[in-house]
Amino acid sequence: MKNFIKRQQRAIGIAVIGFLVSYGLFVGKPAPEKKPKAAPEIPITETFLANPSSLTLTVKTQGTIEPRFKIAISSQVSGLVIATSKEFFPGSYFTKDETLVSIEKADYEYAVAKAESQLAAARQRVAEEKGRALQAKRQWQQLGSSEANALFLREPQLAAANAAEYAALQELDAAKRNLTRTQISAPFNGRIMDKFVDVGQFVSPGARLVEVHATDAVQVRLPLTDRQIALLDLPLTEEDSIRLEIGEQDAIKVDLAARFGGKIWGWVGKIVRTEAQIDVKSRLVYAVAEIENPFISEKESGRPPLAPGMFVSAEIRTREFEGVTVIPRNLLRNDSTIPILNEDNRFNYLPITVLKSNKENAWILGLKSGTKIVTRDSGMLRVGQKVLNQNSNKLVKAIDLE
């Protein structure tokens, strides 16, 4: 019994000691220090300053050289080909009115002689009828009548003789035309593209003899997008074309380049018109540029001829624009806005007008000089958010980098 009482006293003592230790630890614990509330962290971003200036851009396109005039010359008469020009083969040059193909003309010379004979006979009949009419008029006057019968005065016979003379004259002109058509030529200086006859071959009217093109100028169709058209003063209306023809509007120059013989060669052309319709498949508008004297010899011009079929790249200079800024292309958003900081360094998006862009750069309008354009971490910022501007002090100069 005594042992039980002792164990109880010991347990109570241990409990009291544990309570006192716990109380001491709880009461003696130092109060937590009060720390000031941390201010929100202001994000840091980089910007550069816009530096707009006047600028002329370059529109790039490409096309294939085509002859300005290309025709297939056909025979208007039938006969045997008895001769051709000295160098009658594809690639050779010829001059205006040079005889390219000669057709046997004996039959046509005979037709001319026959027509001349018929004309002489018709004129003889006219003279005879005039004499008979004069004689009939005198006879009628001797009868003392004031009115004469038209048939008695041979007026119908004289009219028929005059008509026969006119018809004989037209027959002679037709025979002479057919005779001249035996000598076949082109109405311009040109080059032979292909030939379809040779000496000894019989041809019929309408038969193709040779295909040629003019050498005074060539042309190239240049496809342009809607944005490129907005940069150029193209002759789109009838009034624009008239002003261009009479010189009231300056022609738009085009710099052309092509690779030939392992080298890059250059030519200068001008826009002369735009085509009448928009391409249905590509939705592009085609401007036509002409290049004069494309076949000047290499000795004179220092370059090879600009032959049809040659593929060329083209650069067209635009009109001068005011207030153009060049920015990196990755700063341009799909909704035509760019990230900027306003005067109190708050983030925002600014709508702009895009003149031109490529993989590296964009040429835009709508920025004032000194506008702070955000270049880093713009995707993590909210509109109106205060940021710390780390200006890179880079002034983007408005130059055409292409």
Protein backbone atom coordinates (compact mmCIF):
# COMPACT_ATOMS: atom_id res chain seq x y z
CA MET A 1 0.00 0.00 0.00
CA LYS A 2 2.86 2.29 0.89
CA ASN A 3 4.51 1.56 -2.45
CA PHE A 4 1.33 2.45 -4.33
CA ILE A 5 1.09 5.81 -2.52
CA LYS A 6 4.72 6.55 -3.34
CA ARG A 7 4.20 5.82 -7.04
CA GLN A 8 1.22 8.17 -7.15
CA GLN A 9 3.17 10.94 -5.45
CA ARG A 10 6.05 10.42 -7.89
CA ALA A 11 3.71 10.59 -10.93
CA ILE A 12 2.06 13.75 -9.63
CA GLY A 13 5.47 15.34 -9.09
CA ILE A 14 6.59 14.50 -12.59
CA ALA A 15 3.37 15.97 -14.04
CA VAL A 16 3.78 19.18 -12.04
CA ILE A 17 7.39 19.54 -13.18
CA GLY A 18 6.37 19.00 -16.86
CA PHE A 19 3.62 21.60 -16.53
CA LEU A 20 6.00 24.13 -15.02
CA VAL A 21 8.58 23.55 -17.80
CA SER A 22 5.97 23.90 -20.53
CA TYR A 23 4.55 27.04 -18.96
CA GLY A 24 8.03 28.51 -18.70
CA LEU A 25 8.78 27.82 -22.33
CA PHE A 26 5.46 29.32 -23.51
CA VAL A 27 5.63 32.42 -21.33
CA GLY A 28 9.35 33.01 -21.76
CA LYS A 29 9.26 32.82 -25.63
CA PRO A 30 10.26 36.21 -27.13
CA ALA A 31 7.55 38.00 -29.10
CA PRO A 32 8.00 37.87 -32.95
CA GLU A 33 9.46 40.97 -34.52
CA LYS A 34 7.11 42.95 -36.78
CA LYS A 35 8.58 43.35 -40.31
CA PRO A 36 7.39 46.06 -42.71
CA LYS A 37 5.25 44.83 -45.64
CA ALA A 38 7.43 44.33 -48.79
CA ALA A 39 6.68 46.69 -51.68
CA PRO A 40 5.68 45.00 -54.99
CA GLU A 41 8.65 44.40 -57.27
CA ILE A 42 8.73 46.69 -60.33
CA PRO A 43 9.66 44.74 -63.49
CA ILE A 44 12.63 45.90 -65.53
CA THR A 45 12.51 46.03 -69.30
CA GLU A 46 14.64 47.32 -72.15
CA THR A 47 13.60 49.92 -74.70
CA PHE A 48 15.07 51.86 -77.59
CA LEU A 49 14.07 55.26 -78.89
CA ALA A 50 12.29 55.68 -82.23
CA ASN A 51 13.96 57.98 -84.72
CA PRO A 52 11.53 58.56 -87.63
CA SER A 53 12.80 60.13 -90.83
CA SER A 54 11.97 60.57 -94.52
CA LEU A 55 12.55 57.39 -96.47
CA THR A 56 12.16 55.83 -99.89
CA LEU A 57 11.51 52.09 -99.74
CA THR A 58 12.13 49.28 -102.19
CA VAL A 59 9.45 46.90 -103.47
CA LYS A 60 10.91 43.57 -104.58
CA THR A 61 9.30 41.30 -107.16
CA GLN A 62 10.29 39.14 -110.13
CA GLY A 63 9.20 38.06 -113.58
CA THR A 64 10.13 36.61 -116.96
CA ILE A 65 11.21 38.72 -119.94
CA GLU A 66 8.78 38.73 -122.87
CA PRO A 67 8.98 40.46 -126.27
CA ARG A 68 6.87 43.59 -126.58
CA PHE A 69 5.75 42.62 -130.11
CA LYS A 70 5.63 38.99 -131.19
CA ILE A 71 3.92 37.90 -134.40
CA ALA A 72 3.64 34.86 -136.63
CA ILE A 73 4.03 35.93 -140.26
CA SER A 74 1.78 34.05 -142.67
CA SER A 75 1.64 33.93 -146.43
CA GLN A 76 -1.14 35.88 -148.15
CA VAL A 77 -0.53 34.20 -151.50
CA SER A 78 0.25 30.69 -152.65
CA GLY A 79 3.37 29.59 -154.45
CA LEU A 80 6.77 27.99 -154.29
CA VAL A 81 9.35 29.39 -151.83
CA ILE A 82 12.33 30.26 -154.03
CA ALA A 83 14.53 32.16 -151.56
CA THR A 84 14.93 33.21 -147.92
CA SER A 85 17.05 35.82 -146.16
CA LYS A 86 20.76 35.20 -145.80
CA GLU A 87 20.48 33.96 -142.20
CA PHE A 88 17.02 32.47 -142.03
CA PHE A 89 17.13 30.49 -138.79
CA PRO A 90 16.03 30.98 -135.15
CA GLY A 91 18.10 33.56 -133.32
CA SER A 92 19.15 35.64 -136.33
CA TYR A 93 18.40 39.34 -136.53
CA PHE A 94 16.75 41.27 -139.35
CA THR A 95 15.91 44.89 -140.15
CA LYS A 96 12.60 46.52 -140.90
CA ASP A 97 11.19 45.64 -144.37
CA GLU A 98 14.03 43.19 -145.04
CA THR A 99 12.80 40.32 -147.24
CA LEU A 100 12.64 37.17 -145.17
CA VAL A 101 10.88 34.82 -147.62
CA SER A 102 10.48 35.11 -151.41
CA ILE A 103 7.69 33.28 -153.23
CA GLU A 104 7.79 32.59 -156.96
CA LYS A 105 6.16 35.61 -158.65
CA ALA A 106 5.80 34.65 -162.35
CA ASP A 107 2.08 33.93 -162.02
CA TYR A 108 1.51 37.24 -160.25
CA GLU A 109 3.45 39.20 -162.84
CA TYR A 110 1.20 37.61 -165.47
CA ALA A 111 -1.86 38.65 -163.43
CA VAL A 112 -0.59 42.25 -163.37
CA ALA A 113 -0.07 42.27 -167.13
CA LYS A 114 -3.53 40.84 -167.71
CA ALA A 115 -5.12 43.43 -165.41
CA GLU A 116 -3.28 46.22 -167.22
CA SER A 117 -4.68 44.95 -170.54
CA GLN A 118 -8.20 44.84 -169.16
CA LEU A 119 -7.84 48.36 -167.80
CA ALA A 120 -6.67 49.64 -171.18
CA ALA A 121 -9.68 48.02 -172.89
CA ALA A 122 -12.03 49.52 -170.32
CA ARG A 123 -10.59 52.98 -170.82
CA GLN A 124 -10.97 52.58 -174.58
CA ARG A 125 -14.64 51.75 -174.12
CA VAL A 126 -15.13 54.80 -171.91
CA ALA A 127 -13.61 57.02 -174.57
CA GLU A 128 -15.81 55.50 -177.26
CA GLU A 129 -18.97 55.93 -175.17
CA LYS A 130 -18.10 59.55 -174.45
CA GLY A 131 -17.76 60.20 -178.18
CA ARG A 132 -21.04 58.46 -178.99
CA ALA A 133 -22.83 60.37 -176.23
CA LEU A 134 -21.56 63.68 -177.60
CA GLN A 135 -22.66 62.77 -181.10
CA ALA A 136 -26.12 61.73 -179.88
CA LYS A 137 -26.52 65.03 -178.04
CA ARG A 138 -25.75 66.98 -181.20
CA GLN A 139 -28.25 64.94 -183.22
CA TRP A 140 -30.97 65.55 -180.67
CA GLN A 141 -30.31 69.30 -180.73
CA GLN A 142 -30.68 69.29 -184.51
CA LEU A 143 -34.16 67.81 -184.09
CA GLY A 144 -35.13 70.93 -182.12
CA SER A 145 -36.39 69.18 -179.02
CA SER A 146 -35.59 70.61 -175.57
CA GLU A 147 -35.65 67.28 -173.70
CA ALA A 148 -33.50 64.35 -174.71
CA ASN A 149 -34.03 60.66 -173.85
CA ALA A 150 -31.27 59.30 -171.50
CA LEU A 151 -30.98 56.10 -173.52
CA PHE A 152 -30.69 58.07 -176.78
CA LEU A 153 -27.88 60.16 -175.18
CA ARG A 154 -26.11 56.89 -174.15
CA GLU A 155 -25.93 57.86 -170.50
CA PRO A 156 -26.45 54.26 -169.22
CA GLN A 157 -23.80 52.98 -171.64
CA LEU A 158 -21.31 55.61 -170.45
CA ALA A 159 -22.02 54.78 -166.79
CA ALA A 160 -21.42 51.08 -167.49
CA ALA A 161 -18.14 51.89 -169.24
CA ASN A 162 -16.97 54.02 -166.27
CA ALA A 163 -17.87 51.22 -163.85
CA ALA A 164 -15.95 48.71 -165.94
CA GLU A 165 -12.93 51.02 -165.94
CA TYR A 166 -13.05 51.34 -162.15
CA ALA A 167 -13.33 47.57 -161.72
CA ALA A 168 -10.37 47.02 -164.08
CA LEU A 169 -8.36 49.55 -162.06
CA GLN A 170 -9.14 47.68 -158.81
CA GLU A 171 -8.19 44.39 -160.47
CA LEU A 172 -4.84 45.89 -161.40
CA ASP A 173 -4.27 47.17 -157.83
CA ALA A 174 -5.12 43.72 -156.44
CA ALA A 175 -2.74 42.04 -158.87
CA LYS A 176 0.04 44.44 -157.86
CA ARG A 177 -0.63 43.82 -154.15
CA ASN A 178 -0.40 40.08 -154.67
CA LEU A 179 2.85 40.60 -156.54
CA THR A 180 4.33 42.59 -153.61
CA ARG A 181 3.11 39.88 -151.20
CA THR A 182 5.52 37.44 -152.77
CA GLN A 183 8.26 39.33 -150.90
CA ILE A 184 7.52 38.77 -147.20
CA SER A 185 9.00 41.01 -144.50
CA ALA A 186 8.27 42.39 -141.00
CA PRO A 187 7.34 46.02 -140.15
CA PHE A 188 10.02 46.35 -137.45
CA ASN A 189 13.58 45.46 -136.57
CA GLY A 190 13.46 42.04 -135.01
CA ARG A 191 14.76 38.58 -134.37
CA ILE A 192 13.59 35.21 -135.67
CA MET A 193 12.14 32.96 -132.98
CA ASP A 194 11.17 30.01 -135.16
CA LYS A 195 10.76 29.18 -138.85
CA PHE A 196 8.29 26.82 -140.52
CA VAL A 197 9.29 26.81 -144.25
CA ASP A 198 12.38 26.59 -146.36
CA VAL A 199 13.40 26.91 -150.01
CA GLY A 200 11.53 24.54 -152.31
CA GLN A 201 8.43 24.26 -150.15
CA PHE A 202 5.01 25.13 -151.57
CA VAL A 203 2.86 27.34 -149.36
CA SER A 204 -0.83 28.21 -149.43
CA PRO A 205 -2.56 31.40 -148.28
CA GLY A 206 -2.63 31.50 -144.47
CA ALA A 207 0.34 29.16 -144.03
CA ARG A 208 2.69 30.18 -141.19
CA LEU A 209 6.16 31.02 -142.44
CA VAL A 210 8.13 32.42 -139.51
CA GLU A 211 7.63 33.65 -135.94
CA VAL A 212 9.48 36.86 -135.01
CA HIS A 213 9.64 39.46 -132.25
CA ALA A 214 10.70 43.10 -132.14
CA THR A 215 14.08 44.03 -130.70
CA ASP A 216 13.53 47.71 -129.87
CA ALA A 217 12.11 46.85 -126.43
CA VAL A 218 11.10 43.93 -124.22
CA GLN A 219 8.73 43.82 -121.29
CA VAL A 220 8.26 41.96 -118.02
CA ARG A 221 5.10 41.32 -116.00
CA LEU A 222 5.73 42.07 -112.33
CA PRO A 223 3.27 40.64 -109.74
CA LEU A 224 2.42 43.04 -106.88
CA THR A 225 0.51 42.48 -103.66
CA ASP A 226 -2.07 44.90 -102.30
CA ARG A 227 0.42 46.28 -99.75
CA GLN A 228 3.07 46.80 -102.44
CA ILE A 229 0.58 48.63 -104.66
CA ALA A 230 -0.15 51.04 -101.79
CA LEU A 231 3.50 52.07 -101.80
CA LEU A 232 3.65 52.87 -105.53
CA ASP A 233 2.05 55.51 -107.77
CA LEU A 234 1.04 53.04 -110.47
CA PRO A 235 -0.93 54.09 -113.59
CA LEU A 236 -4.17 52.40 -112.51
CA THR A 237 -6.72 54.63 -114.30
CA GLU A 238 -7.09 55.90 -117.84
CA GLU A 239 -6.15 59.41 -116.70
CA ASP A 240 -2.95 58.06 -115.10
CA SER A 241 -1.99 56.30 -118.33
CA ILE A 242 -2.61 59.46 -120.37
CA ARG A 243 -0.50 61.57 -118.01
CA LEU A 244 2.26 58.99 -118.25
CA GLU A 245 2.15 58.96 -122.06
CA ILE A 246 2.28 62.77 -122.44
CA GLY A 247 4.95 63.16 -119.79
CA GLU A 248 2.91 64.89 -117.06
CA GLN A 249 3.68 62.01 -114.69
CA ASP A 250 7.20 60.70 -114.19
CA ALA A 251 7.64 57.05 -115.08
CA ILE A 252 8.40 54.66 -112.22
CA LYS A 253 11.87 53.22 -112.72
CA VAL A 254 12.61 49.54 -112.19
CA ASP A 255 16.04 48.05 -111.49
CA LEU A 256 16.31 44.57 -113.01
CA ALA A 257 18.94 41.93 -112.36
CA ALA A 258 19.55 38.50 -113.88
CA ARG A 259 22.22 35.83 -113.64
CA PHE A 260 23.84 34.92 -116.95
CA GLY A 261 27.16 33.22 -117.57
CA GLY A 262 27.90 33.00 -113.87
CA LYS A 263 27.53 36.77 -113.34
CA ILE A 264 24.80 39.12 -112.17
CA TRP A 265 23.86 41.72 -114.80
CA GLY A 266 21.65 44.77 -114.39
CA TRP A 267 19.21 46.75 -116.55
CA VAL A 268 16.92 49.73 -115.96
CA GLY A 269 13.30 49.78 -117.12
CA LYS A 270 10.14 51.74 -116.41
CA ILE A 271 6.55 50.91 -115.54
CA VAL A 272 4.33 51.70 -118.55
CA ARG A 273 0.96 50.27 -117.50
CA THR A 274 -0.93 47.87 -115.28
CA GLU A 275 -2.90 44.96 -116.64
CA ALA A 276 -6.66 45.18 -117.00
CA GLN A 277 -7.63 42.55 -114.46
CA ILE A 278 -6.58 41.03 -111.16
CA ASP A 279 -5.30 37.47 -111.28
CA VAL A 280 -8.18 35.29 -110.06
CA LYS A 281 -6.00 32.60 -108.47
CA SER A 282 -3.30 34.67 -106.79
CA ARG A 283 -5.25 37.94 -106.30
CA LEU A 284 -2.21 39.84 -107.54
CA VAL A 285 -2.04 42.87 -109.80
CA TYR A 286 0.51 42.80 -112.61
CA ALA A 287 2.47 45.90 -113.55
CA VAL A 288 4.23 45.86 -116.93
CA ALA A 289 7.74 47.28 -117.21
CA GLU A 290 9.51 47.99 -120.51
CA ILE A 291 13.23 47.92 -121.15
CA GLU A 292 14.44 49.72 -124.26
CA ASN A 293 17.33 48.57 -126.47
CA PRO A 294 17.72 45.20 -124.72
CA PHE A 295 19.74 43.69 -127.57
CA ILE A 296 22.62 46.18 -127.69
CA SER A 297 25.79 44.21 -128.25
CA GLU A 298 27.92 43.26 -125.28
CA LYS A 299 30.78 45.35 -126.66
CA GLU A 300 28.63 48.50 -126.53
CA SER A 301 26.80 47.95 -123.24
CA GLY A 302 29.16 45.62 -121.38
CA ARG A 303 26.37 43.10 -120.76
CA PRO A 304 24.61 40.27 -122.63
CA PRO A 305 21.28 40.78 -124.45
CA LEU A 306 18.15 40.73 -122.30
CA ALA A 307 16.51 37.91 -124.23
CA PRO A 308 12.89 36.69 -123.89
CA GLY A 309 12.56 33.87 -121.40
CA MET A 310 15.24 35.25 -119.08
CA PHE A 311 14.16 35.29 -115.41
CA VAL A 312 14.85 38.60 -113.65
CA SER A 313 14.44 40.01 -110.16
CA ALA A 314 13.10 43.55 -109.91
CA GLU A 315 13.38 46.37 -107.38
CA ILE A 316 10.97 49.29 -107.63
CA ARG A 317 11.66 52.47 -105.68
CA THR A 318 8.62 53.86 -103.90
CA ARG A 319 7.69 57.48 -103.36
CA GLU A 320 9.21 59.23 -100.33
CA PHE A 321 7.40 58.73 -97.03
CA GLU A 322 7.63 61.04 -94.01
CA GLY A 323 8.03 59.75 -90.46
CA VAL A 324 9.19 56.19 -91.15
CA THR A 325 10.66 54.11 -88.30
CA VAL A 326 12.45 50.79 -88.69
CA ILE A 327 11.89 48.24 -85.90
CA PRO A 328 12.77 44.56 -85.47
CA ARG A 329 10.09 42.39 -87.06
CA ASN A 330 9.48 40.36 -83.85
CA LEU A 331 8.14 43.49 -82.09
CA LEU A 332 5.25 43.79 -84.52
CA ARG A 333 2.04 42.13 -83.24
CA ASN A 334 -0.62 40.53 -85.43
CA ASP A 335 -3.06 43.36 -84.65
CA SER A 336 -0.60 45.97 -86.05
CA THR A 337 0.44 47.28 -82.63
CA ILE A 338 3.82 47.50 -80.91
CA PRO A 339 4.74 47.52 -77.17
CA ILE A 340 5.78 50.93 -75.82
CA LEU A 341 6.24 52.84 -72.55
CA ASN A 342 4.38 56.12 -72.12
CA GLU A 343 5.84 59.23 -70.52
CA ASP A 344 5.52 57.90 -66.94
CA ASN A 345 6.96 54.50 -67.89
CA ARG A 346 3.67 52.62 -67.96
CA PHE A 347 3.31 49.77 -70.42
CA ASN A 348 0.91 50.00 -73.38
CA TYR A 349 0.34 48.87 -76.99
CA LEU A 350 0.39 51.52 -79.73
CA PRO A 351 -1.46 51.06 -83.07
CA ILE A 352 0.77 51.78 -86.07
CA THR A 353 0.67 51.59 -89.88
CA VAL A 354 2.91 48.98 -91.48
CA LEU A 355 4.43 50.07 -94.77
CA LYS A 356 6.59 47.03 -95.36
CA SER A 357 8.08 44.09 -93.50
CA ASN A 358 10.40 41.16 -93.99
CA LYS A 359 11.83 38.46 -91.74
CA GLU A 360 14.16 40.86 -89.92
CA ASN A 361 12.59 44.33 -89.97
CA ALA A 362 9.36 46.29 -90.30
CA TRP A 363 8.96 49.81 -91.70
CA ILE A 364 6.15 51.61 -89.88
CA LEU A 365 4.37 54.96 -89.57
CA GLY A 366 2.74 56.51 -86.49
CA LEU A 367 5.63 57.01 -84.08
CA LYS A 368 6.90 60.28 -82.67
CA SER A 369 10.60 60.90 -82.26
CA GLY A 370 11.78 59.54 -78.89
CA THR A 371 8.94 57.03 -78.44
CA LYS A 372 10.18 54.27 -76.10
CA ILE A 373 9.68 50.91 -77.80
CA VAL A 374 9.84 47.86 -75.52
CA THR A 375 12.24 45.20 -76.76
CA ARG A 376 12.25 42.63 -73.91
CA ASP A 377 9.71 40.74 -71.77
CA SER A 378 6.73 42.60 -73.24
CA GLY A 379 4.65 39.41 -73.12
CA MET A 380 4.85 39.33 -69.28
CA LEU A 381 3.63 42.92 -68.82
CA ARG A 382 0.11 44.21 -68.36
CA VAL A 383 -1.31 47.32 -69.98
CA GLY A 384 -0.91 50.22 -67.54
CA GLN A 385 1.72 48.42 -65.44
CA LYS A 386 4.56 50.55 -64.06
CA VAL A 387 7.96 49.32 -65.23
CA LEU A 388 11.55 50.30 -64.75
CA ASN A 389 12.99 51.41 -68.06
CA GLN A 390 16.46 50.20 -68.89
CA ASN A 391 17.07 52.33 -71.97
CA SER A 392 19.53 50.74 -74.34
CA ASN A 393 20.18 54.17 -75.92
CA LYS A 394 19.91 52.62 -79.34
CA LEU A 395 18.52 54.97 -81.96
CA VAL A 396 17.02 52.97 -84.78
CA LYS A 397 17.76 54.86 -87.96
CA ALA A 398 15.08 54.78 -90.66
CA ILE A 399 17.01 53.27 -93.53
CA ASP A 400 16.03 50.62 -96.01
CA LEU A 401 17.90 47.56 -94.78
CA GLU A 402 17.00 45.32 -97.72
